[in-house]
Protein backbone atom coordinates (compact mmCIF):
# COMPACT_ATOMS: atom_id res chain seq x y z
CA UNK A 1 0.02 -0.03 0.05
CA UNK A 2 1.34 3.40 -0.92
CA UNK A 3 0.26 6.46 1.13
CA UNK A 4 0.93 10.08 0.42
CA UNK A 5 1.69 12.39 3.31
CA UNK A 6 0.70 15.76 2.55
CA UNK A 7 1.75 19.02 4.30
CA UNK A 8 0.35 22.45 3.35
CA UNK A 9 -0.03 26.03 4.32
CA UNK A 10 -3.46 27.15 5.62
CA UNK A 11 -3.98 29.41 2.46
CA UNK A 12 -2.82 26.63 0.05
CA UNK A 13 -5.59 25.89 -2.68
CA UNK A 14 -6.38 22.28 -3.50
CA UNK A 15 -4.55 22.74 -6.82
CA UNK A 16 -1.24 23.25 -4.67
CA UNK A 17 -1.87 19.94 -2.82
CA UNK A 18 -2.64 18.08 -6.23
CA UNK A 19 0.51 19.55 -7.84
CA UNK A 20 2.83 18.35 -5.09
CA UNK A 21 1.21 14.93 -5.20
CA UNK A 22 1.59 14.72 -9.14
CA UNK A 23 5.34 15.69 -8.67
CA UNK A 24 5.77 12.37 -6.79
CA UNK A 25 4.96 10.45 -9.91
CA UNK A 26 3.05 7.80 -7.79
CA UNK A 27 -0.53 6.66 -7.67
CA UNK A 28 -1.66 6.28 -4.02
CA UNK A 29 -4.17 4.23 -2.05
CA UNK A 30 -4.62 7.04 0.53
CA UNK A 31 -3.39 10.42 1.66
CA UNK A 32 -2.63 11.46 5.22
CA UNK A 33 -1.89 14.68 7.06
CA UNK A 34 -1.72 15.86 10.60
CA UNK A 35 -5.00 15.52 12.53
CA UNK A 36 -5.06 19.26 13.09
CA UNK A 37 -5.15 19.80 9.20
CA UNK A 38 -7.41 16.87 8.37
CA UNK A 39 -10.58 18.69 8.30
CA UNK A 40 -9.28 21.60 5.97
CA UNK A 41 -11.44 21.91 2.85
CA UNK A 42 -8.38 21.67 0.34
CA UNK A 43 -7.30 18.19 1.75
CA UNK A 44 -10.82 16.77 2.10
CA UNK A 45 -11.36 18.05 -1.44
CA UNK A 46 -8.25 16.31 -2.68
CA UNK A 47 -9.29 13.06 -1.06
CA UNK A 48 -12.58 13.43 -2.90
CA UNK A 49 -11.05 14.14 -6.20
CA UNK A 50 -8.68 11.05 -5.94
CA UNK A 51 -11.41 8.77 -4.50
CA UNK A 52 -8.98 7.72 -1.60
CA UNK A 53 -9.33 7.77 2.06
CA UNK A 54 -8.01 10.50 4.18
CA UNK A 55 -6.03 9.48 7.20
CA UNK A 56 -5.68 12.04 10.01
CA UNK A 57 -2.56 11.20 11.83
CA UNK A 58 -2.35 12.00 15.62
CA UNK A 59 0.16 14.74 16.47
CA UNK A 60 2.06 12.57 18.98
CA UNK A 61 2.56 9.97 16.29
CA UNK A 62 4.11 12.51 13.84
CA UNK A 63 6.81 13.34 16.48
CA UNK A 64 7.99 9.70 16.65
CA UNK A 65 8.79 9.58 12.80
CA UNK A 66 12.39 10.18 11.65
CA UNK A 67 12.27 12.13 8.32
CA UNK A 68 14.84 12.83 5.52
CA UNK A 69 13.85 16.48 5.24
CA UNK A 70 14.40 18.81 8.21
CA UNK A 71 12.39 21.96 8.39
CA UNK A 72 12.86 24.09 11.56
CA UNK A 73 9.36 25.48 11.20
CA UNK A 74 7.77 22.01 10.84
CA UNK A 75 9.96 20.71 13.74
CA UNK A 76 8.87 23.53 16.11
CA UNK A 77 5.18 22.82 15.31
CA UNK A 78 4.89 19.13 14.88
CA UNK A 79 8.30 17.70 16.53
CA UNK A 80 9.60 16.13 13.21
CA UNK A 81 11.52 17.46 10.19
CA UNK A 82 8.85 17.14 7.45
CA UNK A 83 4.90 16.80 7.99
CA UNK A 84 4.45 15.15 4.56
CA UNK A 85 7.20 12.48 5.31
CA UNK A 86 6.14 11.86 8.82
CA UNK A 87 2.49 11.65 7.96
CA UNK A 88 3.16 9.09 5.16
CA UNK A 89 5.26 7.00 7.49
CA UNK A 90 2.88 7.10 10.43
CA UNK A 91 -0.06 6.31 8.24
CA UNK A 92 1.61 3.10 6.70
CA UNK A 93 2.72 2.04 10.03
CA UNK A 94 5.26 -0.45 11.16
CA UNK A 95 8.16 -1.04 8.74
CA UNK A 96 7.11 1.76 6.61
CA UNK A 97 9.64 3.40 4.42
CA UNK A 98 9.80 6.51 2.23
CA UNK A 99 10.19 6.11 -1.49
CA UNK A 100 11.98 9.44 -1.61
CA UNK A 101 12.27 12.84 0.31
CA UNK A 102 9.24 15.07 0.05
CA UNK A 103 8.60 17.32 -2.91
CA UNK A 104 7.22 20.79 -3.05
CA UNK A 105 4.46 22.15 -5.18
CA UNK A 106 5.46 24.60 -7.80
CA UNK A 107 4.03 27.60 -5.70
CA UNK A 108 5.75 26.39 -2.52
CA UNK A 109 2.43 26.00 -0.68
CA UNK A 110 2.17 22.18 -0.26
CA UNK A 111 4.55 19.23 0.05
CA UNK A 112 3.96 15.38 -0.55
CA UNK A 113 5.86 12.23 0.13
CA UNK A 114 5.07 8.66 -0.57
CA UNK A 115 5.59 5.81 1.94
CA UNK A 116 5.00 2.22 1.52
CA UNK A 117 5.02 -0.82 3.84
CA UNK A 118 6.11 -4.48 3.51
CA UNK A 119 2.68 -5.54 2.01
CA UNK A 120 2.91 -3.09 -0.93
């Protein structure tokens, strides 16, 4: 199973999230983000467009994930280096691994990272 972790700024439009995801080059089975962002209209709209479940990752689980990318702003807010990478890893669960470091949308408003597990 491949899951996309998505990080985004509050003012990011759905198109930014979709652009970041498209840049990964992967088709996914679900998308994930931090629980405090999971009800934002742009991420719920993206899940609807893709026809995949949206996983709200509890904030305490994000801080347990070791990420490739290190953003001081994200580290201060979520206790991890990349929201997209941490959300993808946490949503996949045990033995998850990232396929690559996160990518950023063209406008810099959203990020996406893909993780998969051993059953993928």
